[in-house]
């Protein structure tokens, strides 16, 4: 096996460990990693890694045209960590955002953290709470930032 394949496997294991720790620490409904790679349909930033609470459906095969056109992804691409404690009250004039919330199982709250390497957006880590609003603690928000810092160089 080539060194590149071994490194990729090691990186994927480390990525999974970071996401698993974040999932456990935040008691999230879902944790996802989107990467700056086209999916099979040529769309950018698909969900490539996902951890789910029991009974929650995957969003890996979500039906979107351009996730980066969503207001949350646009804010993340601009370098902002987006923290929503009540996603239902956000972007009231954006029906596509609320359709996405429904597709995501009734997204109630989220923390969305961009991953940058050399000023280039390489990924997005999202932590979702489904069903109701939720306050995120400073420790949970900081854990999202730390996870992004650890994962970014592994996927660049």
C-alpha atoms as a PDB file:
ATOM      1  CA  UNK A   1       0.000   0.000   0.000  1.00  0.00           C
ATOM      2  CA  UNK A   2       1.369   3.439  -0.883  1.00  0.00           C
ATOM      3  CA  UNK A   3       2.318   6.033   1.723  1.00  0.00           C
ATOM      4  CA  UNK A   4      -0.458   8.329   0.475  1.00  0.00           C
ATOM      5  CA  UNK A   5      -3.139   5.714   1.135  1.00  0.00           C
ATOM      6  CA  UNK A   6      -1.797   5.025   4.609  1.00  0.00           C
ATOM      7  CA  UNK A   7      -1.701   8.746   5.389  1.00  0.00           C
ATOM      8  CA  UNK A   8      -5.255   9.170   4.075  1.00  0.00           C
ATOM      9  CA  UNK A   9      -6.441   6.306   6.307  1.00  0.00           C
ATOM     10  CA  UNK A  10      -4.654   7.776   9.334  1.00  0.00           C
ATOM     11  CA  UNK A  11      -6.131  11.204   8.591  1.00  0.00           C
ATOM     12  CA  UNK A  12      -9.629   9.731   8.211  1.00  0.00           C
ATOM     13  CA  UNK A  13      -9.266   7.912  11.537  1.00  0.00           C
ATOM     14  CA  UNK A  14      -8.140  11.125  13.246  1.00  0.00           C
ATOM     15  CA  UNK A  15     -10.982  13.083  11.636  1.00  0.00           C
ATOM     16  CA  UNK A  16     -13.488  10.502  12.843  1.00  0.00           C
ATOM     17  CA  UNK A  17     -12.019  10.643  16.362  1.00  0.00           C
ATOM     18  CA  UNK A  18     -12.296  14.458  16.456  1.00  0.00           C
ATOM     19  CA  UNK A  19     -15.885  14.386  15.197  1.00  0.00           C
ATOM     20  CA  UNK A  20     -16.808  11.610  17.631  1.00  0.00           C
ATOM     21  CA  UNK A  21     -15.384  13.603  20.550  1.00  0.00           C
ATOM     22  CA  UNK A  22     -17.326  16.675  19.453  1.00  0.00           C
ATOM     23  CA  UNK A  23     -20.524  14.620  19.068  1.00  0.00           C
ATOM     24  CA  UNK A  24     -20.131  13.167  22.559  1.00  0.00           C
ATOM     25  CA  UNK A  25     -19.099  16.419  24.248  1.00  0.00           C
ATOM     26  CA  UNK A  26     -21.970  18.468  22.777  1.00  0.00           C
ATOM     27  CA  UNK A  27     -24.603  15.721  23.073  1.00  0.00           C
ATOM     28  CA  UNK A  28     -25.561  16.681  19.519  1.00  0.00           C
ATOM     29  CA  UNK A  29     -28.230  15.165  17.312  1.00  0.00           C
ATOM     30  CA  UNK A  30     -25.869  15.287  14.334  1.00  0.00           C
ATOM     31  CA  UNK A  31     -22.287  16.308  13.584  1.00  0.00           C
ATOM     32  CA  UNK A  32     -21.213  16.688   9.973  1.00  0.00           C
ATOM     33  CA  UNK A  33     -18.120  17.561   8.012  1.00  0.00           C
ATOM     34  CA  UNK A  34     -18.489  19.080   4.566  1.00  0.00           C
ATOM     35  CA  UNK A  35     -15.396  19.098   2.383  1.00  0.00           C
ATOM     36  CA  UNK A  36     -14.437  21.227  -0.589  1.00  0.00           C
ATOM     37  CA  UNK A  37     -14.716  18.325  -3.021  1.00  0.00           C
ATOM     38  CA  UNK A  38     -17.424  17.765  -5.621  1.00  0.00           C
ATOM     39  CA  UNK A  39     -19.876  14.962  -4.953  1.00  0.00           C
ATOM     40  CA  UNK A  40     -20.972  12.429  -7.584  1.00  0.00           C
ATOM     41  CA  UNK A  41     -23.370  15.022  -9.012  1.00  0.00           C
ATOM     42  CA  UNK A  42     -20.674  17.710  -9.194  1.00  0.00           C
ATOM     43  CA  UNK A  43     -21.967  19.792  -6.280  1.00  0.00           C
ATOM     44  CA  UNK A  44     -19.423  21.300  -3.914  1.00  0.00           C
ATOM     45  CA  UNK A  45     -19.136  20.907  -0.159  1.00  0.00           C
ATOM     46  CA  UNK A  46     -21.118  17.674   0.268  1.00  0.00           C
ATOM     47  CA  UNK A  47     -21.442  16.008   3.662  1.00  0.00           C
ATOM     48  CA  UNK A  48     -18.553  13.546   3.656  1.00  0.00           C
ATOM     49  CA  UNK A  49     -18.581  12.532   7.320  1.00  0.00           C
ATOM     50  CA  UNK A  50     -21.551  12.313   9.660  1.00  0.00           C
ATOM     51  CA  UNK A  51     -22.397  11.126  13.154  1.00  0.00           C
ATOM     52  CA  UNK A  52     -26.064  10.707  14.066  1.00  0.00           C
ATOM     53  CA  UNK A  53     -28.134  10.248  17.207  1.00  0.00           C
ATOM     54  CA  UNK A  54     -30.321   7.125  17.173  1.00  0.00           C
ATOM     55  CA  UNK A  55     -33.416   7.502  15.006  1.00  0.00           C
ATOM     56  CA  UNK A  56     -32.140  10.487  13.015  1.00  0.00           C
ATOM     57  CA  UNK A  57     -31.876  10.256   9.239  1.00  0.00           C
ATOM     58  CA  UNK A  58     -28.691  10.995   7.355  1.00  0.00           C
ATOM     59  CA  UNK A  59     -28.330  14.161   5.281  1.00  0.00           C
ATOM     60  CA  UNK A  60     -25.448  12.783   3.206  1.00  0.00           C
ATOM     61  CA  UNK A  61     -27.697  12.511   0.149  1.00  0.00           C
ATOM     62  CA  UNK A  62     -29.564  15.751   0.722  1.00  0.00           C
ATOM     63  CA  UNK A  63     -31.157  17.433  -2.288  1.00  0.00           C
ATOM     64  CA  UNK A  64     -29.601  20.844  -2.628  1.00  0.00           C
ATOM     65  CA  UNK A  65     -28.533  22.844  -5.625  1.00  0.00           C
ATOM     66  CA  UNK A  66     -25.726  24.857  -4.056  1.00  0.00           C
ATOM     67  CA  UNK A  67     -25.217  24.577  -0.302  1.00  0.00           C
ATOM     68  CA  UNK A  68     -22.882  27.576  -0.429  1.00  0.00           C
ATOM     69  CA  UNK A  69     -25.860  29.737  -1.435  1.00  0.00           C
ATOM     70  CA  UNK A  70     -27.452  29.104   1.964  1.00  0.00           C
ATOM     71  CA  UNK A  71     -27.115  32.025   4.381  1.00  0.00           C
ATOM     72  CA  UNK A  72     -25.316  29.936   7.004  1.00  0.00           C
ATOM     73  CA  UNK A  73     -22.734  28.558   4.564  1.00  0.00           C
ATOM     74  CA  UNK A  74     -22.226  32.037   3.122  1.00  0.00           C
ATOM     75  CA  UNK A  75     -21.483  33.395   6.603  1.00  0.00           C
ATOM     76  CA  UNK A  76     -19.105  30.505   7.280  1.00  0.00           C
ATOM     77  CA  UNK A  77     -17.349  31.078   3.950  1.00  0.00           C
ATOM     78  CA  UNK A  78     -16.826  34.668   5.097  1.00  0.00           C
ATOM     79  CA  UNK A  79     -14.953  33.368   8.132  1.00  0.00           C
ATOM     80  CA  UNK A  80     -17.737  33.521  10.716  1.00  0.00           C
ATOM     81  CA  UNK A  81     -18.625  30.759  13.140  1.00  0.00           C
ATOM     82  CA  UNK A  82     -22.436  30.713  13.072  1.00  0.00           C
ATOM     83  CA  UNK A  83     -24.115  29.940  16.388  1.00  0.00           C
ATOM     84  CA  UNK A  84     -27.885  29.627  16.416  1.00  0.00           C
ATOM     85  CA  UNK A  85     -29.797  28.755  19.546  1.00  0.00           C
ATOM     86  CA  UNK A  86     -33.165  28.941  17.744  1.00  0.00           C
ATOM     87  CA  UNK A  87     -32.733  28.218  14.044  1.00  0.00           C
ATOM     88  CA  UNK A  88     -36.484  28.557  13.435  1.00  0.00           C
ATOM     89  CA  UNK A  89     -36.245  32.276  14.192  1.00  0.00           C
ATOM     90  CA  UNK A  90     -33.305  32.860  11.818  1.00  0.00           C
ATOM     91  CA  UNK A  91     -33.665  34.141   8.262  1.00  0.00           C
ATOM     92  CA  UNK A  92     -37.467  34.561   8.420  1.00  0.00           C
ATOM     93  CA  UNK A  93     -37.638  35.650   4.767  1.00  0.00           C
ATOM     94  CA  UNK A  94     -35.656  32.683   3.424  1.00  0.00           C
ATOM     95  CA  UNK A  95     -38.008  29.780   2.604  1.00  0.00           C
ATOM     96  CA  UNK A  96     -35.124  27.632   1.310  1.00  0.00           C
ATOM     97  CA  UNK A  97     -33.375  27.821   4.690  1.00  0.00           C
ATOM     98  CA  UNK A  98     -36.549  26.660   6.428  1.00  0.00           C
ATOM     99  CA  UNK A  99     -37.088  23.879   3.871  1.00  0.00           C
ATOM    100  CA  UNK A 100     -33.533  22.753   4.670  1.00  0.00           C
ATOM    101  CA  UNK A 101     -34.338  22.840   8.411  1.00  0.00           C
ATOM    102  CA  UNK A 102     -37.278  20.504   7.761  1.00  0.00           C
ATOM    103  CA  UNK A 103     -35.133  18.209   5.585  1.00  0.00           C
ATOM    104  CA  UNK A 104     -32.593  18.077   8.416  1.00  0.00           C
ATOM    105  CA  UNK A 105     -35.220  16.565  10.729  1.00  0.00           C
ATOM    106  CA  UNK A 106     -36.497  19.782  12.306  1.00  0.00           C
ATOM    107  CA  UNK A 107     -33.201  21.563  12.921  1.00  0.00           C
ATOM    108  CA  UNK A 108     -33.678  23.519  16.137  1.00  0.00           C
ATOM    109  CA  UNK A 109     -30.190  24.883  16.834  1.00  0.00           C
ATOM    110  CA  UNK A 110     -26.739  24.670  15.318  1.00  0.00           C
ATOM    111  CA  UNK A 111     -23.103  25.687  15.461  1.00  0.00           C
ATOM    112  CA  UNK A 112     -21.441  25.919  12.043  1.00  0.00           C
ATOM    113  CA  UNK A 113     -17.667  26.388  11.951  1.00  0.00           C
ATOM    114  CA  UNK A 114     -15.569  27.033   8.849  1.00  0.00           C
ATOM    115  CA  UNK A 115     -12.248  25.271   8.253  1.00  0.00           C
ATOM    116  CA  UNK A 116      -9.601  27.387   6.549  1.00  0.00           C
ATOM    117  CA  UNK A 117      -6.098  26.581   5.328  1.00  0.00           C
ATOM    118  CA  UNK A 118      -4.044  29.407   3.817  1.00  0.00           C
ATOM    119  CA  UNK A 119      -7.166  31.623   3.638  1.00  0.00           C
ATOM    120  CA  UNK A 120      -9.026  28.955   1.594  1.00  0.00           C
ATOM    121  CA  UNK A 121     -12.250  27.406   2.867  1.00  0.00           C
ATOM    122  CA  UNK A 122     -11.564  23.656   2.886  1.00  0.00           C
ATOM    123  CA  UNK A 123     -14.496  22.452   4.949  1.00  0.00           C
ATOM    124  CA  UNK A 124     -17.327  23.158   7.348  1.00  0.00           C
ATOM    125  CA  UNK A 125     -18.088  21.379  10.631  1.00  0.00           C
ATOM    126  CA  UNK A 126     -21.726  21.548  11.729  1.00  0.00           C
ATOM    127  CA  UNK A 127     -23.205  20.522  15.056  1.00  0.00           C
ATOM    128  CA  UNK A 128     -26.992  20.172  14.953  1.00  0.00           C
ATOM    129  CA  UNK A 129     -29.611  19.916  17.655  1.00  0.00           C
ATOM    130  CA  UNK A 130     -32.893  18.632  16.251  1.00  0.00           C
ATOM    131  CA  UNK A 131     -36.391  19.363  17.489  1.00  0.00           C
ATOM    132  CA  UNK A 132     -36.153  22.441  19.671  1.00  0.00           C
ATOM    133  CA  UNK A 133     -34.065  25.509  20.435  1.00  0.00           C
ATOM    134  CA  UNK A 134     -30.966  24.991  22.534  1.00  0.00           C
ATOM    135  CA  UNK A 135     -28.439  27.203  24.249  1.00  0.00           C
ATOM    136  CA  UNK A 136     -24.834  26.342  23.365  1.00  0.00           C
ATOM    137  CA  UNK A 137     -22.322  26.698  26.163  1.00  0.00           C
ATOM    138  CA  UNK A 138     -19.070  28.610  25.650  1.00  0.00           C
ATOM    139  CA  UNK A 139     -17.229  25.274  26.076  1.00  0.00           C
ATOM    140  CA  UNK A 140     -19.298  23.648  23.318  1.00  0.00           C
ATOM    141  CA  UNK A 141     -18.712  26.563  20.949  1.00  0.00           C
ATOM    142  CA  UNK A 142     -14.976  26.500  21.725  1.00  0.00           C
ATOM    143  CA  UNK A 143     -14.913  22.726  21.136  1.00  0.00           C
ATOM    144  CA  UNK A 144     -16.330  23.319  17.639  1.00  0.00           C
ATOM    145  CA  UNK A 145     -13.517  25.788  16.935  1.00  0.00           C
ATOM    146  CA  UNK A 146     -10.879  23.374  18.237  1.00  0.00           C
ATOM    147  CA  UNK A 147     -12.309  20.557  16.115  1.00  0.00           C
ATOM    148  CA  UNK A 148     -12.121  22.758  13.020  1.00  0.00           C
ATOM    149  CA  UNK A 149      -8.516  23.685  13.804  1.00  0.00           C
ATOM    150  CA  UNK A 150      -7.567  20.015  14.157  1.00  0.00           C
ATOM    151  CA  UNK A 151      -9.402  18.804  11.049  1.00  0.00           C
ATOM    152  CA  UNK A 152      -8.492  21.582   8.579  1.00  0.00           C
ATOM    153  CA  UNK A 153      -4.867  20.541   8.007  1.00  0.00           C
ATOM    154  CA  UNK A 154      -5.942  16.890   7.670  1.00  0.00           C
ATOM    155  CA  UNK A 155      -8.199  17.600   4.685  1.00  0.00           C
ATOM    156  CA  UNK A 156      -6.295  20.414   2.963  1.00  0.00           C
END
